[in-house]
Amino acid sequence: MQRKKRTSPALFYRQIVTELRKVVWSTRSELFTYTAVVIVFVLVIIGVVAAIDFGLSRAVQAVFG
């Protein structure tokens, strides 16, 4: 089995710069919108998990007193 040839640090850096130029960056308004959506989603999930936890703890309290 042959060993793979290593790339030079300069070539590696050039490849990184080339790939970053291909990236489509979000606009400021898109960034704020996506952030708001994520925060709202996380808060909803926290509420669901808290409600399930509260309900299960009440059920355990009722069964085991």
C-alpha atoms as a PDB file:
ATOM      1  CA  MET A   1       0.000   0.000   0.000  1.00  0.00           C
ATOM      2  CA  GLN A   2       1.472   3.315  -1.058  1.00  0.00           C
ATOM      3  CA  ARG A   3       1.412   6.350   1.168  1.00  0.00           C
ATOM      4  CA  LYS A   4      -0.495   9.375  -0.044  1.00  0.00           C
ATOM      5  CA  LYS A   5       1.569  12.353  -1.052  1.00  0.00           C
ATOM      6  CA  ARG A   6       1.164  15.292   1.323  1.00  0.00           C
ATOM      7  CA  THR A   7       0.253  18.714   0.009  1.00  0.00           C
ATOM      8  CA  SER A   8       2.346  21.720   0.868  1.00  0.00           C
ATOM      9  CA  PRO A   9       0.983  24.269   3.352  1.00  0.00           C
ATOM     10  CA  ALA A  10       0.862  26.898   0.582  1.00  0.00           C
ATOM     11  CA  LEU A  11      -1.246  24.651  -1.670  1.00  0.00           C
ATOM     12  CA  PHE A  12      -3.500  23.775   1.261  1.00  0.00           C
ATOM     13  CA  TYR A  13      -4.037  27.476   2.002  1.00  0.00           C
ATOM     14  CA  ARG A  14      -4.815  28.238  -1.663  1.00  0.00           C
ATOM     15  CA  GLN A  15      -7.364  25.415  -1.722  1.00  0.00           C
ATOM     16  CA  ILE A  16      -9.053  26.808   1.394  1.00  0.00           C
ATOM     17  CA  VAL A  17      -9.274  30.289  -0.128  1.00  0.00           C
ATOM     18  CA  THR A  18     -10.690  28.828  -3.345  1.00  0.00           C
ATOM     19  CA  GLU A  19     -13.374  26.902  -1.462  1.00  0.00           C
ATOM     20  CA  LEU A  20     -14.324  29.933   0.657  1.00  0.00           C
ATOM     21  CA  ARG A  21     -14.868  31.969  -2.503  1.00  0.00           C
ATOM     22  CA  LYS A  22     -17.505  29.424  -3.582  1.00  0.00           C
ATOM     23  CA  VAL A  23     -19.531  29.914  -0.392  1.00  0.00           C
ATOM     24  CA  VAL A  24     -22.784  31.861  -0.683  1.00  0.00           C
ATOM     25  CA  TRP A  25     -22.819  34.068   2.416  1.00  0.00           C
ATOM     26  CA  SER A  26     -26.128  35.083   4.020  1.00  0.00           C
ATOM     27  CA  THR A  27     -27.203  38.700   4.091  1.00  0.00           C
ATOM     28  CA  ARG A  28     -27.659  40.505   7.390  1.00  0.00           C
ATOM     29  CA  SER A  29     -31.463  40.299   7.192  1.00  0.00           C
ATOM     30  CA  GLU A  30     -31.347  36.564   6.398  1.00  0.00           C
ATOM     31  CA  LEU A  31     -29.019  36.041   9.338  1.00  0.00           C
ATOM     32  CA  PHE A  32     -31.400  37.831  11.718  1.00  0.00           C
ATOM     33  CA  THR A  33     -34.364  35.867  10.345  1.00  0.00           C
ATOM     34  CA  TYR A  34     -32.630  32.502  10.707  1.00  0.00           C
ATOM     35  CA  THR A  35     -31.461  33.393  14.217  1.00  0.00           C
ATOM     36  CA  ALA A  36     -34.988  34.361  15.263  1.00  0.00           C
ATOM     37  CA  VAL A  37     -36.413  31.133  13.851  1.00  0.00           C
ATOM     38  CA  VAL A  38     -33.852  29.055  15.742  1.00  0.00           C
ATOM     39  CA  ILE A  39     -34.473  30.903  19.023  1.00  0.00           C
ATOM     40  CA  VAL A  40     -38.260  30.501  18.713  1.00  0.00           C
ATOM     41  CA  PHE A  41     -37.890  26.805  17.853  1.00  0.00           C
ATOM     42  CA  VAL A  42     -35.607  26.201  20.846  1.00  0.00           C
ATOM     43  CA  LEU A  43     -38.034  27.988  23.168  1.00  0.00           C
ATOM     44  CA  VAL A  44     -40.935  25.876  21.871  1.00  0.00           C
ATOM     45  CA  ILE A  45     -38.962  22.658  22.397  1.00  0.00           C
ATOM     46  CA  ILE A  46     -37.994  23.794  25.908  1.00  0.00           C
ATOM     47  CA  GLY A  47     -41.696  24.359  26.641  1.00  0.00           C
ATOM     48  CA  VAL A  48     -42.665  20.915  25.325  1.00  0.00           C
ATOM     49  CA  VAL A  49     -39.945  19.158  27.320  1.00  0.00           C
ATOM     50  CA  ALA A  50     -40.826  21.136  30.463  1.00  0.00           C
ATOM     51  CA  ALA A  51     -44.515  20.225  30.095  1.00  0.00           C
ATOM     52  CA  ILE A  52     -43.694  16.533  29.635  1.00  0.00           C
ATOM     53  CA  ASP A  53     -41.348  16.642  32.629  1.00  0.00           C
ATOM     54  CA  PHE A  54     -43.973  18.362  34.768  1.00  0.00           C
ATOM     55  CA  GLY A  55     -46.659  15.873  33.735  1.00  0.00           C
ATOM     56  CA  LEU A  56     -44.462  12.845  34.381  1.00  0.00           C
ATOM     57  CA  SER A  57     -43.366  14.163  37.758  1.00  0.00           C
ATOM     58  CA  ARG A  58     -47.021  14.690  38.747  1.00  0.00           C
ATOM     59  CA  ALA A  59     -47.841  11.163  37.590  1.00  0.00           C
ATOM     60  CA  VAL A  60     -44.970   9.684  39.612  1.00  0.00           C
ATOM     61  CA  GLN A  61     -46.050  11.719  42.648  1.00  0.00           C
ATOM     62  CA  ALA A  62     -49.613  10.431  42.256  1.00  0.00           C
ATOM     63  CA  VAL A  63     -48.513   6.797  41.942  1.00  0.00           C
ATOM     64  CA  PHE A  64     -45.811   6.718  44.609  1.00  0.00           C
ATOM     65  CA  GLY A  65     -47.131   9.561  46.794  1.00  0.00           C
END
